[in-house]
Amino acid sequence: MVLKTEARQLADLILKPIVTEKATLLLEQNKYVFDVALKATKPEIQAAIELLFDVKVTKVNTSRPSRQKKRVGRFLGYKPQYKRAIVTLAAGDSITLYPDV
């Protein structure tokens, strides 16, 4: 699939990698978790990951959980919304999240 989006705009869609216990367990299945922009679509996320890390993406799953309430004293507000993408890579490809220092 060819996207008519510039490389700079694709790079801005990926916000940060997620390093949690669950995300670390997914690494064994060659799946990586990223926070992405709310407006990002699956084809755009796939193109951005392939461009940034030079890997082949086979599948992209996204989740956008509902907003959580947050109370400060008597004032009620909401936590900011976010979108997460679980990216499955082709066999043999990997992304280095922990560079050797």
PDB file of N, CA and C in Angstrom:
ATOM      1  N   MET A   1       0.836  -1.171   0.000  1.00  0.00           N
ATOM      2  CA  MET A   1       0.000   0.000   0.000  1.00  0.00           C
ATOM      3  C   MET A   1       0.884   1.237   0.000  1.00  0.00           C
ATOM      4  N   VAL A   2       0.614   2.163  -0.876  1.00  0.00           N
ATOM      5  CA  VAL A   2       1.396   3.379  -0.997  1.00  0.00           C
ATOM      6  C   VAL A   2       0.621   4.518  -0.357  1.00  0.00           C
ATOM      7  N   LEU A   3       1.246   5.160   0.613  1.00  0.00           N
ATOM      8  CA  LEU A   3       0.620   6.295   1.274  1.00  0.00           C
ATOM      9  C   LEU A   3       1.225   7.585   0.742  1.00  0.00           C
ATOM     10  N   LYS A   4       0.421   8.600   0.611  1.00  0.00           N
ATOM     11  CA  LYS A   4       0.898   9.883   0.117  1.00  0.00           C
ATOM     12  C   LYS A   4       1.207  10.813   1.291  1.00  0.00           C
ATOM     13  N   THR A   5       1.886  10.287   2.279  1.00  0.00           N
ATOM     14  CA  THR A   5       2.236  11.051   3.457  1.00  0.00           C
ATOM     15  C   THR A   5       3.746  11.194   3.513  1.00  0.00           C
ATOM     16  N   GLU A   6       4.225  12.361   3.884  1.00  0.00           N
ATOM     17  CA  GLU A   6       5.655  12.589   3.964  1.00  0.00           C
ATOM     18  C   GLU A   6       6.262  11.814   5.122  1.00  0.00           C
ATOM     19  N   ALA A   7       7.555  11.548   5.020  1.00  0.00           N
ATOM     20  CA  ALA A   7       8.257  10.782   6.045  1.00  0.00           C
ATOM     21  C   ALA A   7       8.229  11.499   7.384  1.00  0.00           C
ATOM     22  N   ARG A   8       8.316  12.813   7.368  1.00  0.00           N
ATOM     23  CA  ARG A   8       8.311  13.581   8.619  1.00  0.00           C
ATOM     24  C   ARG A   8       6.970  13.436   9.336  1.00  0.00           C
ATOM     25  N   GLN A   9       5.891  13.473   8.585  1.00  0.00           N
ATOM     26  CA  GLN A   9       4.569  13.331   9.188  1.00  0.00           C
ATOM     27  C   GLN A   9       4.370  11.921   9.730  1.00  0.00           C
ATOM     28  N   LEU A  10       4.901  10.902   9.045  1.00  0.00           N
ATOM     29  CA  LEU A  10       4.788   9.532   9.532  1.00  0.00           C
ATOM     30  C   LEU A  10       5.561   9.358  10.834  1.00  0.00           C
ATOM     31  N   ALA A  11       6.733   9.960  10.920  1.00  0.00           N
ATOM     32  CA  ALA A  11       7.548   9.833  12.122  1.00  0.00           C
ATOM     33  C   ALA A  11       6.864  10.485  13.322  1.00  0.00           C
ATOM     34  N   ASP A  12       6.081  11.530  13.096  1.00  0.00           N
ATOM     35  CA  ASP A  12       5.389  12.209  14.195  1.00  0.00           C
ATOM     36  C   ASP A  12       4.216  11.410  14.736  1.00  0.00           C
ATOM     37  N   LEU A  13       3.756  10.387  14.019  1.00  0.00           N
ATOM     38  CA  LEU A  13       2.626   9.585  14.488  1.00  0.00           C
ATOM     39  C   LEU A  13       3.016   8.665  15.640  1.00  0.00           C
ATOM     40  N   ILE A  14       4.267   8.208  15.668  1.00  0.00           N
ATOM     41  CA  ILE A  14       4.740   7.314  16.726  1.00  0.00           C
ATOM     42  C   ILE A  14       5.267   8.177  17.856  1.00  0.00           C
ATOM     43  N   LEU A  15       4.620   8.107  19.030  1.00  0.00           N
ATOM     44  CA  LEU A  15       5.005   8.967  20.142  1.00  0.00           C
ATOM     45  C   LEU A  15       6.120   8.353  20.987  1.00  0.00           C
ATOM     46  N   LYS A  16       5.934   7.112  21.450  1.00  0.00           N
ATOM     47  CA  LYS A  16       6.951   6.474  22.290  1.00  0.00           C
ATOM     48  C   LYS A  16       6.675   4.984  22.391  1.00  0.00           C
ATOM     49  N   PRO A  17       7.723   4.197  22.643  1.00  0.00           N
ATOM     50  CA  PRO A  17       7.493   2.771  22.890  1.00  0.00           C
ATOM     51  C   PRO A  17       7.024   2.568  24.336  1.00  0.00           C
ATOM     52  N   ILE A  18       6.236   1.540  24.535  1.00  0.00           N
ATOM     53  CA  ILE A  18       5.721   1.224  25.867  1.00  0.00           C
ATOM     54  C   ILE A  18       6.539   0.066  26.436  1.00  0.00           C
ATOM     55  N   VAL A  19       7.067   0.263  27.632  1.00  0.00           N
ATOM     56  CA  VAL A  19       7.864  -0.775  28.287  1.00  0.00           C
ATOM     57  C   VAL A  19       7.180  -1.106  29.608  1.00  0.00           C
ATOM     58  N   THR A  20       6.269  -2.056  29.563  1.00  0.00           N
ATOM     59  CA  THR A  20       5.594  -2.539  30.758  1.00  0.00           C
ATOM     60  C   THR A  20       5.812  -4.044  30.841  1.00  0.00           C
ATOM     61  N   GLU A  21       5.319  -4.646  31.896  1.00  0.00           N
ATOM     62  CA  GLU A  21       5.481  -6.085  32.043  1.00  0.00           C
ATOM     63  C   GLU A  21       4.760  -6.832  30.918  1.00  0.00           C
ATOM     64  N   LYS A  22       3.562  -6.406  30.590  1.00  0.00           N
ATOM     65  CA  LYS A  22       2.803  -7.057  29.533  1.00  0.00           C
ATOM     66  C   LYS A  22       3.477  -6.857  28.173  1.00  0.00           C
ATOM     67  N   ALA A  23       3.975  -5.646  27.921  1.00  0.00           N
ATOM     68  CA  ALA A  23       4.643  -5.371  26.650  1.00  0.00           C
ATOM     69  C   ALA A  23       5.929  -6.179  26.527  1.00  0.00           C
ATOM     70  N   THR A  24       6.622  -6.381  27.636  1.00  0.00           N
ATOM     71  CA  THR A  24       7.846  -7.180  27.620  1.00  0.00           C
ATOM     72  C   THR A  24       7.541  -8.637  27.328  1.00  0.00           C
ATOM     73  N   LEU A  25       6.427  -9.140  27.826  1.00  0.00           N
ATOM     74  CA  LEU A  25       6.032 -10.516  27.523  1.00  0.00           C
ATOM     75  C   LEU A  25       5.651 -10.666  26.049  1.00  0.00           C
ATOM     76  N   LEU A  26       5.107  -9.612  25.456  1.00  0.00           N
ATOM     77  CA  LEU A  26       4.745  -9.667  24.041  1.00  0.00           C
ATOM     78  C   LEU A  26       5.970  -9.688  23.133  1.00  0.00           C
ATOM     79  N   LEU A  27       7.116  -9.236  23.635  1.00  0.00           N
ATOM     80  CA  LEU A  27       8.334  -9.243  22.830  1.00  0.00           C
ATOM     81  C   LEU A  27       8.720 -10.663  22.423  1.00  0.00           C
ATOM     82  N   GLU A  28       8.372 -11.654  23.241  1.00  0.00           N
ATOM     83  CA  GLU A  28       8.676 -13.048  22.918  1.00  0.00           C
ATOM     84  C   GLU A  28       7.911 -13.506  21.675  1.00  0.00           C
ATOM     85  N   GLN A  29       6.762 -12.888  21.405  1.00  0.00           N
ATOM     86  CA  GLN A  29       5.961 -13.228  20.227  1.00  0.00           C
ATOM     87  C   GLN A  29       6.264 -12.292  19.057  1.00  0.00           C
ATOM     88  N   ASN A  30       7.340 -11.503  19.171  1.00  0.00           N
ATOM     89  CA  ASN A  30       7.762 -10.556  18.143  1.00  0.00           C
ATOM     90  C   ASN A  30       6.720  -9.451  17.948  1.00  0.00           C
ATOM     91  N   LYS A  31       6.104  -9.012  19.068  1.00  0.00           N
ATOM     92  CA  LYS A  31       5.120  -7.932  19.055  1.00  0.00           C
ATOM     93  C   LYS A  31       5.659  -6.777  19.884  1.00  0.00           C
ATOM     94  N   TYR A  32       5.510  -5.572  19.369  1.00  0.00           N
ATOM     95  CA  TYR A  32       6.000  -4.374  20.030  1.00  0.00           C
ATOM     96  C   TYR A  32       4.843  -3.414  20.247  1.00  0.00           C
ATOM     97  N   VAL A  33       4.860  -2.688  21.383  1.00  0.00           N
ATOM     98  CA  VAL A  33       3.765  -1.804  21.757  1.00  0.00           C
ATOM     99  C   VAL A  33       4.262  -0.357  21.707  1.00  0.00           C
ATOM    100  N   PHE A  34       3.471   0.509  21.057  1.00  0.00           N
ATOM    101  CA  PHE A  34       3.818   1.919  20.935  1.00  0.00           C
ATOM    102  C   PHE A  34       2.612   2.781  21.266  1.00  0.00           C
ATOM    103  N   ASP A  35       2.858   3.957  21.862  1.00  0.00           N
ATOM    104  CA  ASP A  35       1.833   4.991  21.946  1.00  0.00           C
ATOM    105  C   ASP A  35       1.864   5.742  20.624  1.00  0.00           C
ATOM    106  N   VAL A  36       0.700   5.941  20.028  1.00  0.00           N
ATOM    107  CA  VAL A  36       0.625   6.623  18.738  1.00  0.00           C
ATOM    108  C   VAL A  36      -0.359   7.788  18.844  1.00  0.00           C
ATOM    109  N   ALA A  37      -0.331   8.660  17.862  1.00  0.00           N
ATOM    110  CA  ALA A  37      -1.242   9.799  17.826  1.00  0.00           C
ATOM    111  C   ALA A  37      -2.678   9.300  17.668  1.00  0.00           C
ATOM    112  N   LEU A  38      -3.613  10.051  18.224  1.00  0.00           N
ATOM    113  CA  LEU A  38      -5.021   9.648  18.162  1.00  0.00           C
ATOM    114  C   LEU A  38      -5.545   9.566  16.735  1.00  0.00           C
ATOM    115  N   LYS A  39      -5.024  10.385  15.848  1.00  0.00           N
ATOM    116  CA  LYS A  39      -5.522  10.418  14.468  1.00  0.00           C
ATOM    117  C   LYS A  39      -4.863   9.374  13.576  1.00  0.00           C
ATOM    118  N   ALA A  40      -3.898   8.620  14.086  1.00  0.00           N
ATOM    119  CA  ALA A  40      -3.151   7.662  13.271  1.00  0.00           C
ATOM    120  C   ALA A  40      -4.023   6.473  12.888  1.00  0.00           C
ATOM    121  N   THR A  41      -3.919   6.055  11.632  1.00  0.00           N
ATOM    122  CA  THR A  41      -4.634   4.875  11.151  1.00  0.00           C
ATOM    123  C   THR A  41      -3.664   3.703  11.079  1.00  0.00           C
ATOM    124  N   LYS A  42      -4.208   2.504  10.927  1.00  0.00           N
ATOM    125  CA  LYS A  42      -3.365   1.307  10.876  1.00  0.00           C
ATOM    126  C   LYS A  42      -2.367   1.333   9.712  1.00  0.00           C
ATOM    127  N   PRO A  43      -2.777   1.700   8.488  1.00  0.00           N
ATOM    128  CA  PRO A  43      -1.786   1.754   7.400  1.00  0.00           C
ATOM    129  C   PRO A  43      -0.698   2.800   7.644  1.00  0.00           C
ATOM    130  N   GLU A  44      -1.059   3.919   8.262  1.00  0.00           N
ATOM    131  CA  GLU A  44      -0.066   4.943   8.567  1.00  0.00           C
ATOM    132  C   GLU A  44       0.906   4.465   9.641  1.00  0.00           C
ATOM    133  N   ILE A  45       0.404   3.767  10.649  1.00  0.00           N
ATOM    134  CA  ILE A  45       1.262   3.228  11.703  1.00  0.00           C
ATOM    135  C   ILE A  45       2.224   2.204  11.104  1.00  0.00           C
ATOM    136  N   GLN A  46       1.719   1.346  10.243  1.00  0.00           N
ATOM    137  CA  GLN A  46       2.561   0.338   9.595  1.00  0.00           C
ATOM    138  C   GLN A  46       3.660   1.002   8.779  1.00  0.00           C
ATOM    139  N   ALA A  47       3.306   2.009   7.991  1.00  0.00           N
ATOM    140  CA  ALA A  47       4.295   2.703   7.168  1.00  0.00           C
ATOM    141  C   ALA A  47       5.328   3.416   8.029  1.00  0.00           C
ATOM    142  N   ALA A  48       4.899   3.997   9.149  1.00  0.00           N
ATOM    143  CA  ALA A  48       5.823   4.721  10.023  1.00  0.00           C
ATOM    144  C   ALA A  48       6.824   3.780  10.682  1.00  0.00           C
ATOM    145  N   ILE A  49       6.357   2.633  11.166  1.00  0.00           N
ATOM    146  CA  ILE A  49       7.252   1.667  11.814  1.00  0.00           C
ATOM    147  C   ILE A  49       8.239   1.108  10.796  1.00  0.00           C
ATOM    148  N   GLU A  50       7.760   0.792   9.600  1.00  0.00           N
ATOM    149  CA  GLU A  50       8.654   0.265   8.566  1.00  0.00           C
ATOM    150  C   GLU A  50       9.690   1.310   8.161  1.00  0.00           C
ATOM    151  N   LEU A  51       9.306   2.580   8.138  1.00  0.00           N
ATOM    152  CA  LEU A  51      10.229   3.641   7.761  1.00  0.00           C
ATOM    153  C   LEU A  51      11.255   3.910   8.861  1.00  0.00           C
ATOM    154  N   LEU A  52      10.799   3.989  10.107  1.00  0.00           N
ATOM    155  CA  LEU A  52      11.693   4.354  11.206  1.00  0.00           C
ATOM    156  C   LEU A  52      12.683   3.254  11.569  1.00  0.00           C
ATOM    157  N   PHE A  53      12.220   2.000  11.582  1.00  0.00           N
ATOM    158  CA  PHE A  53      13.056   0.915  12.096  1.00  0.00           C
ATOM    159  C   PHE A  53      13.548  -0.043  11.015  1.00  0.00           C
ATOM    160  N   ASP A  54      13.154   0.160   9.772  1.00  0.00           N
ATOM    161  CA  ASP A  54      13.587  -0.671   8.647  1.00  0.00           C
ATOM    162  C   ASP A  54      13.279  -2.154   8.887  1.00  0.00           C
ATOM    163  N   VAL A  55      12.011  -2.442   9.210  1.00  0.00           N
ATOM    164  CA  VAL A  55      11.530  -3.808   9.444  1.00  0.00           C
ATOM    165  C   VAL A  55      10.278  -4.033   8.610  1.00  0.00           C
ATOM    166  N   LYS A  56       9.815  -5.279   8.547  1.00  0.00           N
ATOM    167  CA  LYS A  56       8.589  -5.626   7.825  1.00  0.00           C
ATOM    168  C   LYS A  56       7.488  -5.890   8.841  1.00  0.00           C
ATOM    169  N   VAL A  57       6.408  -5.127   8.779  1.00  0.00           N
ATOM    170  CA  VAL A  57       5.277  -5.260   9.695  1.00  0.00           C
ATOM    171  C   VAL A  57       4.231  -6.156   9.047  1.00  0.00           C
ATOM    172  N   THR A  58       3.780  -7.178   9.795  1.00  0.00           N
ATOM    173  CA  THR A  58       2.763  -8.073   9.263  1.00  0.00           C
ATOM    174  C   THR A  58       1.365  -7.737   9.773  1.00  0.00           C
ATOM    175  N   LYS A  59       1.271  -7.143  10.968  1.00  0.00           N
ATOM    176  CA  LYS A  59      -0.041  -6.886  11.545  1.00  0.00           C
ATOM    177  C   LYS A  59       0.032  -5.699  12.499  1.00  0.00           C
ATOM    178  N   VAL A  60      -1.056  -4.913  12.549  1.00  0.00           N
ATOM    179  CA  VAL A  60      -1.156  -3.790  13.479  1.00  0.00           C
ATOM    180  C   VAL A  60      -2.497  -3.875  14.180  1.00  0.00           C
ATOM    181  N   ASN A  61      -2.474  -3.932  15.499  1.00  0.00           N
ATOM    182  CA  ASN A  61      -3.688  -3.891  16.308  1.00  0.00           C
ATOM    183  C   ASN A  61      -3.666  -2.606  17.115  1.00  0.00           C
ATOM    184  N   THR A  62      -4.790  -1.894  17.149  1.00  0.00           N
ATOM    185  CA  THR A  62      -4.852  -0.647  17.900  1.00  0.00           C
ATOM    186  C   THR A  62      -5.921  -0.747  18.975  1.00  0.00           C
ATOM    187  N   SER A  63      -5.707   0.020  20.045  1.00  0.00           N
ATOM    188  CA  SER A  63      -6.712   0.119  21.105  1.00  0.00           C
ATOM    189  C   SER A  63      -6.776   1.561  21.567  1.00  0.00           C
ATOM    190  N   ARG A  64      -7.985   1.996  21.814  1.00  0.00           N
ATOM    191  CA  ARG A  64      -8.227   3.354  22.295  1.00  0.00           C
ATOM    192  C   ARG A  64      -9.190   3.246  23.476  1.00  0.00           C
ATOM    193  N   PRO A  65      -8.645   3.061  24.682  1.00  0.00           N
ATOM    194  CA  PRO A  65      -9.514   2.846  25.845  1.00  0.00           C
ATOM    195  C   PRO A  65     -10.355   4.081  26.177  1.00  0.00           C
ATOM    196  N   SER A  66     -11.436   3.844  26.895  1.00  0.00           N
ATOM    197  CA  SER A  66     -12.312   4.946  27.268  1.00  0.00           C
ATOM    198  C   SER A  66     -11.624   5.846  28.290  1.00  0.00           C
ATOM    199  N   ARG A  67     -12.079   7.076  28.370  1.00  0.00           N
ATOM    200  CA  ARG A  67     -11.461   8.049  29.274  1.00  0.00           C
ATOM    201  C   ARG A  67     -11.732   7.678  30.720  1.00  0.00           C
ATOM    202  N   GLN A  68     -10.754   7.924  31.577  1.00  0.00           N
ATOM    203  CA  GLN A  68     -10.897   7.637  32.994  1.00  0.00           C
ATOM    204  C   GLN A  68     -11.137   8.940  33.749  1.00  0.00           C
ATOM    205  N   LYS A  69     -12.031   8.875  34.719  1.00  0.00           N
ATOM    206  CA  LYS A  69     -12.312  10.058  35.527  1.00  0.00           C
ATOM    207  C   LYS A  69     -11.200  10.280  36.535  1.00  0.00           C
ATOM    208  N   LYS A  70     -10.918  11.539  36.799  1.00  0.00           N
ATOM    209  CA  LYS A  70      -9.902  11.903  37.767  1.00  0.00           C
ATOM    210  C   LYS A  70     -10.462  13.026  38.618  1.00  0.00           C
ATOM    211  N   ARG A  71     -10.471  12.819  39.934  1.00  0.00           N
ATOM    212  CA  ARG A  71     -11.032  13.814  40.837  1.00  0.00           C
ATOM    213  C   ARG A  71      -9.901  14.480  41.616  1.00  0.00           C
ATOM    214  N   VAL A  72      -9.957  15.811  41.657  1.00  0.00           N
ATOM    215  CA  VAL A  72      -9.033  16.590  42.481  1.00  0.00           C
ATOM    216  C   VAL A  72      -9.901  17.436  43.399  1.00  0.00           C
ATOM    217  N   GLY A  73     -10.022  16.996  44.639  1.00  0.00           N
ATOM    218  CA  GLY A  73     -10.919  17.679  45.578  1.00  0.00           C
ATOM    219  C   GLY A  73     -12.352  17.509  45.127  1.00  0.00           C
ATOM    220  N   ARG A  74     -13.045  18.608  44.958  1.00  0.00           N
ATOM    221  CA  ARG A  74     -14.437  18.523  44.517  1.00  0.00           C
ATOM    222  C   ARG A  74     -14.572  18.653  43.003  1.00  0.00           C
ATOM    223  N   PHE A  75     -13.459  18.837  42.319  1.00  0.00           N
ATOM    224  CA  PHE A  75     -13.493  19.033  40.871  1.00  0.00           C
ATOM    225  C   PHE A  75     -13.292  17.703  40.154  1.00  0.00           C
ATOM    226  N   LEU A  76     -14.111  17.471  39.147  1.00  0.00           N
ATOM    227  CA  LEU A  76     -14.045  16.234  38.385  1.00  0.00           C
ATOM    228  C   LEU A  76     -13.510  16.536  36.993  1.00  0.00           C
ATOM    229  N   GLY A  77     -12.517  15.770  36.598  1.00  0.00           N
ATOM    230  CA  GLY A  77     -11.952  15.929  35.268  1.00  0.00           C
ATOM    231  C   GLY A  77     -11.692  14.569  34.661  1.00  0.00           C
ATOM    232  N   TYR A  78     -10.977  14.547  33.569  1.00  0.00           N
ATOM    233  CA  TYR A  78     -10.681  13.303  32.882  1.00  0.00           C
ATOM    234  C   TYR A  78      -9.192  13.241  32.558  1.00  0.00           C
ATOM    235  N   LYS A  79      -8.677  12.031  32.560  1.00  0.00           N
ATOM    236  CA  LYS A  79      -7.308  11.825  32.109  1.00  0.00           C
ATOM    237  C   LYS A  79      -7.273  11.979  30.594  1.00  0.00           C
ATOM    238  N   PRO A  80      -6.137  12.363  30.047  1.00  0.00           N
ATOM    239  CA  PRO A  80      -6.080  12.513  28.594  1.00  0.00           C
ATOM    240  C   PRO A  80      -6.228  11.175  27.880  1.00  0.00           C
ATOM    241  N   GLN A  81      -6.849  11.218  26.700  1.00  0.00           N
ATOM    242  CA  GLN A  81      -7.007   9.993  25.910  1.00  0.00           C
ATOM    243  C   GLN A  81      -5.709   9.652  25.219  1.00  0.00           C
ATOM    244  N   TYR A  82      -5.534   8.367  24.925  1.00  0.00           N
ATOM    245  CA  TYR A  82      -4.357   7.918  24.201  1.00  0.00           C
ATOM    246  C   TYR A  82      -4.745   6.736  23.328  1.00  0.00           C
ATOM    247  N   LYS A  83      -3.854   6.404  22.410  1.00  0.00           N
ATOM    248  CA  LYS A  83      -4.071   5.283  21.501  1.00  0.00           C
ATOM    249  C   LYS A  83      -2.807   4.449  21.501  1.00  0.00           C
ATOM    250  N   ARG A  84      -2.966   3.141  21.616  1.00  0.00           N
ATOM    251  CA  ARG A  84      -1.830   2.231  21.621  1.00  0.00           C
ATOM    252  C   ARG A  84      -1.907   1.322  20.414  1.00  0.00           C
ATOM    253  N   ALA A  85      -0.739   0.993  19.892  1.00  0.00           N
ATOM    254  CA  ALA A  85      -0.658   0.094  18.749  1.00  0.00           C
ATOM    255  C   ALA A  85       0.250  -1.069  19.103  1.00  0.00           C
ATOM    256  N   ILE A  86      -0.239  -2.284  18.865  1.00  0.00           N
ATOM    257  CA  ILE A  86       0.576  -3.485  19.023  1.00  0.00           C
ATOM    258  C   ILE A  86       0.958  -3.926  17.615  1.00  0.00           C
ATOM    259  N   VAL A  87       2.256  -3.877  17.342  1.00  0.00           N
ATOM    260  CA  VAL A  87       2.774  -4.117  16.003  1.00  0.00           C
ATOM    261  C   VAL A  87       3.450  -5.478  15.975  1.00  0.00           C
ATOM    262  N   THR A  88       3.008  -6.358  15.076  1.00  0.00           N
ATOM    263  CA  THR A  88       3.624  -7.671  14.893  1.00  0.00           C
ATOM    264  C   THR A  88       4.586  -7.594  13.719  1.00  0.00           C
ATOM    265  N   LEU A  89       5.824  -8.018  13.958  1.00  0.00           N
ATOM    266  CA  LEU A  89       6.847  -7.971  12.918  1.00  0.00           C
ATOM    267  C   LEU A  89       6.988  -9.327  12.250  1.00  0.00           C
ATOM    268  N   ALA A  90       7.552  -9.324  11.046  1.00  0.00           N
ATOM    269  CA  ALA A  90       7.817 -10.557  10.324  1.00  0.00           C
ATOM    270  C   ALA A  90       8.898 -11.346  11.055  1.00  0.00           C
ATOM    271  N   ALA A  91       8.925 -12.656  10.825  1.00  0.00           N
ATOM    272  CA  ALA A  91       9.913 -13.512  11.470  1.00  0.00           C
ATOM    273  C   ALA A  91      11.313 -13.074  11.054  1.00  0.00           C
ATOM    274  N   GLY A  92      12.204 -12.988  12.029  1.00  0.00           N
ATOM    275  CA  GLY A  92      13.575 -12.580  11.753  1.00  0.00           C
ATOM    276  C   GLY A  92      13.833 -11.099  11.957  1.00  0.00           C
ATOM    277  N   ASP A  93      12.803 -10.269  11.986  1.00  0.00           N
ATOM    278  CA  ASP A  93      12.970  -8.840  12.221  1.00  0.00           C
ATOM    279  C   ASP A  93      12.849  -8.536  13.706  1.00  0.00           C
ATOM    280  N   SER A  94      13.521  -7.500  14.146  1.00  0.00           N
ATOM    281  CA  SER A  94      13.421  -7.075  15.548  1.00  0.00           C
ATOM    282  C   SER A  94      13.742  -5.590  15.640  1.00  0.00           C
ATOM    283  N   ILE A  95      13.284  -4.983  16.722  1.00  0.00           N
ATOM    284  CA  ILE A  95      13.538  -3.575  17.012  1.00  0.00           C
ATOM    285  C   ILE A  95      14.329  -3.522  18.314  1.00  0.00           C
ATOM    286  N   THR A  96      15.398  -2.758  18.340  1.00  0.00           N
ATOM    287  CA  THR A  96      16.213  -2.636  19.538  1.00  0.00           C
ATOM    288  C   THR A  96      15.635  -1.514  20.400  1.00  0.00           C
ATOM    289  N   LEU A  97      14.923  -1.882  21.474  1.00  0.00           N
ATOM    290  CA  LEU A  97      14.369  -0.896  22.390  1.00  0.00           C
ATOM    291  C   LEU A  97      15.375  -0.517  23.467  1.00  0.00           C
ATOM    292  N   TYR A  98      16.298  -1.423  23.798  1.00  0.00           N
ATOM    293  CA  TYR A  98      17.296  -1.199  24.822  1.00  0.00           C
ATOM    294  C   TYR A  98      18.673  -1.204  24.192  1.00  0.00           C
ATOM    295  N   PRO A  99      19.177  -0.072  23.714  1.00  0.00           N
ATOM    296  CA  PRO A  99      20.506  -0.091  23.088  1.00  0.00           C
ATOM    297  C   PRO A  99      21.589  -0.355  24.138  1.00  0.00           C
ATOM    298  N   ASP A 100      22.647  -0.995  23.703  1.00  0.00           N
ATOM    299  CA  ASP A 100      23.756  -1.266  24.612  1.00  0.00           C
ATOM    300  C   ASP A 100      24.465   0.031  24.921  1.00  0.00           C
ATOM    301  N   VAL A 101      24.614   0.307  26.215  1.00  0.00           N
ATOM    302  CA  VAL A 101      25.243   1.565  26.629  1.00  0.00           C
ATOM    303  C   VAL A 101      26.647   1.295  27.100  1.00  0.00           C
TER     304      VAL A 101
END
